[in-house]
Structures are given as structure tokens and as C-alpha cells.
Amino acid sequence: MCAAILTLEAVILALAAPVMIAVEDVNVALALLICLGLAVLCIVTAGSLRRPQGYAMGHAIQVGAVLMGFLVPIMFFIGGMFAALWLGAFFLGRRIEADKARWAAEAAAETPETPLSE
């Protein structure tokens, strides 16, 4: 779920660049650096979520998306919305993994040991 959130967020962040340039009169180089940089970072992070560092980077991306609100005020809302989706997916994923581990432990405890034949 977290990878899906980051992928969708990458699209939204990339589309924020023209808004920053045309509507808010942000410098073209700055807008492209921030928006496309965060979008690429989202895609790279979505691919690295198998490691704990990927989730830490995902948290940092959410902070960066919210902070974009200082350049484009609507990004406070959009970044906050994605941060809420990210945190929901993050905690739900942790809960699902914990349940899967518990179910595996219960299944292993219920399975009788079979003696090895010689």
C-alpha cells in the first residue's frame, strides 16, 4: 500500500511544477528541482520499501510535500492529505505483518511434530 501511495504522490508532485511556475511565479529551476526531485524520490523510495530505510525516506518525503506549501499554499492541504494516507498505509501494513506473524506462529504450534524416519 505504501508503494501505491508514493507512486500516486509522484504523479501529483510532478504536476505541481507547472502550477508553481504559472500560478505562483516560482523560479522555473527551483520549481523543477523541488517537484521533480521529490517525484523521482517517491519512485525510488517505492522500490526500496523492502528495507526499513525506505520507510524513513517515505516519512521524509511526506514532510517535504507538506513544506511545499510555503511555495504553493494548496500543497499544505495536498501534502497533508498524502501524509495522512501514507501514515494510514504504514500503520495498517505493520498491523497486517504482525497478524501474519502471529497466525504463522499459531499454525506452527498447532502442527504436530513428525518424527524423522531413519
Protein backbone atom coordinates (compact mmCIF):
# COMPACT_ATOMS: atom_id res chain seq x y z
CA MET A 1 0.00 0.00 0.00
CA CYS A 2 2.80 2.40 0.82
CA ALA A 3 4.33 1.92 -2.62
CA ALA A 4 0.99 2.76 -4.25
CA ILE A 5 0.70 5.94 -2.17
CA LEU A 6 4.21 7.01 -3.16
CA THR A 7 3.58 6.30 -6.84
CA LEU A 8 0.41 8.37 -6.89
CA GLU A 9 2.15 11.09 -4.93
CA ALA A 10 4.95 11.17 -7.53
CA VAL A 11 2.39 11.99 -10.22
CA ILE A 12 0.84 14.77 -8.14
CA LEU A 13 4.22 16.25 -7.22
CA ALA A 14 5.33 16.26 -10.85
CA LEU A 15 2.09 18.02 -11.84
CA ALA A 16 2.69 20.64 -9.15
CA ALA A 17 5.66 22.04 -11.10
CA PRO A 18 3.59 23.84 -13.76
CA VAL A 19 1.33 25.23 -11.04
CA MET A 20 4.33 26.56 -9.15
CA ILE A 21 5.68 28.19 -12.31
CA ALA A 22 2.49 29.56 -13.89
CA VAL A 23 0.30 30.40 -10.91
CA GLU A 24 2.69 31.19 -8.07
CA ASP A 25 5.56 32.67 -10.16
CA VAL A 26 8.18 30.43 -8.59
CA ASN A 27 11.55 30.33 -10.36
CA VAL A 28 11.47 27.61 -13.06
CA ALA A 29 14.69 25.94 -11.90
CA LEU A 30 13.55 25.88 -8.25
CA ALA A 31 10.11 24.51 -9.13
CA LEU A 32 11.54 21.76 -11.31
CA LEU A 33 14.20 20.86 -8.77
CA ILE A 34 11.75 20.57 -5.90
CA CYS A 35 8.80 18.97 -7.69
CA LEU A 36 10.61 16.60 -9.99
CA GLY A 37 13.21 15.82 -7.34
CA LEU A 38 10.52 14.76 -4.88
CA ALA A 39 8.67 12.85 -7.61
CA VAL A 40 11.77 10.85 -8.54
CA LEU A 41 12.50 10.30 -4.86
CA CYS A 42 8.97 8.90 -4.45
CA ILE A 43 9.52 6.37 -7.23
CA VAL A 44 12.95 5.33 -5.92
CA THR A 45 11.59 5.03 -2.39
CA ALA A 46 8.60 2.97 -3.54
CA GLY A 47 11.09 0.46 -4.91
CA SER A 48 13.13 0.37 -1.73
CA LEU A 49 10.37 -0.31 0.79
CA ARG A 50 11.74 -3.77 1.49
CA ARG A 51 14.28 -2.13 3.76
CA PRO A 52 13.49 -0.04 6.87
CA GLN A 53 15.41 2.92 5.40
CA GLY A 54 12.78 3.10 2.65
CA TYR A 55 10.08 3.84 5.18
CA ALA A 56 12.20 6.52 6.83
CA MET A 57 12.66 8.13 3.42
CA GLY A 58 8.91 7.90 2.86
CA HIS A 59 8.32 9.83 6.07
CA ALA A 60 10.81 12.47 4.94
CA ILE A 61 9.05 12.80 1.58
CA GLN A 62 5.78 13.48 3.36
CA VAL A 63 7.42 16.28 5.33
CA GLY A 64 8.85 17.71 2.11
CA ALA A 65 5.45 17.60 0.39
CA VAL A 66 3.82 19.50 3.25
CA LEU A 67 6.64 22.04 3.33
CA MET A 68 6.00 22.77 -0.34
CA GLY A 69 3.01 24.67 0.99
CA PHE A 70 5.30 27.61 1.68
CA LEU A 71 5.68 27.98 -2.09
CA VAL A 72 2.18 26.89 -3.15
CA PRO A 73 -0.32 27.20 -0.28
CA ILE A 74 -2.62 24.43 -1.54
CA MET A 75 0.26 21.99 -1.01
CA PHE A 76 -0.30 22.29 2.74
CA PHE A 77 -3.63 20.53 2.14
CA ILE A 78 -2.45 18.13 -0.59
CA GLY A 79 0.75 17.28 1.28
CA GLY A 80 -1.22 16.76 4.48
CA MET A 81 -3.67 14.52 2.66
CA PHE A 82 -0.85 12.36 1.30
CA ALA A 83 0.84 12.31 4.70
CA ALA A 84 -2.39 11.00 6.23
CA LEU A 85 -2.70 8.35 3.51
CA TRP A 86 0.96 7.40 3.99
CA LEU A 87 0.61 7.05 7.75
CA GLY A 88 -2.59 5.05 7.37
CA ALA A 89 -0.94 2.66 4.92
CA PHE A 90 2.20 2.46 7.06
CA PHE A 91 0.40 1.54 10.29
CA LEU A 92 -2.09 -0.76 8.57
CA GLY A 93 0.80 -2.57 6.87
CA ARG A 94 2.58 -3.01 10.19
CA ARG A 95 -0.59 -4.41 11.72
CA ILE A 96 -1.08 -6.84 8.82
CA GLU A 97 2.54 -8.05 9.12
CA ALA A 98 2.12 -8.57 12.88
CA ASP A 99 -1.10 -10.54 12.31
CA LYS A 100 0.57 -12.69 9.65
CA ALA A 101 3.44 -13.48 12.02
CA ARG A 102 1.00 -14.34 14.81
CA TRP A 103 -1.03 -16.60 12.51
CA ALA A 104 2.13 -18.36 11.34
CA ALA A 105 3.21 -18.92 14.95
CA GLU A 106 -0.22 -20.28 15.86
CA ALA A 107 -0.21 -22.61 12.85
CA ALA A 108 3.27 -23.87 13.75
CA ALA A 109 2.16 -24.51 17.34
CA GLU A 110 -0.89 -26.50 16.19
CA THR A 111 1.04 -28.69 13.76
CA PRO A 112 2.29 -31.84 15.48
CA GLU A 113 5.95 -32.67 15.09
CA THR A 114 6.55 -35.68 12.84
CA PRO A 115 9.48 -37.88 13.76
CA LEU A 116 12.19 -38.21 11.18
CA SER A 117 12.36 -41.64 9.60
CA GLU A 118 15.71 -43.31 9.56
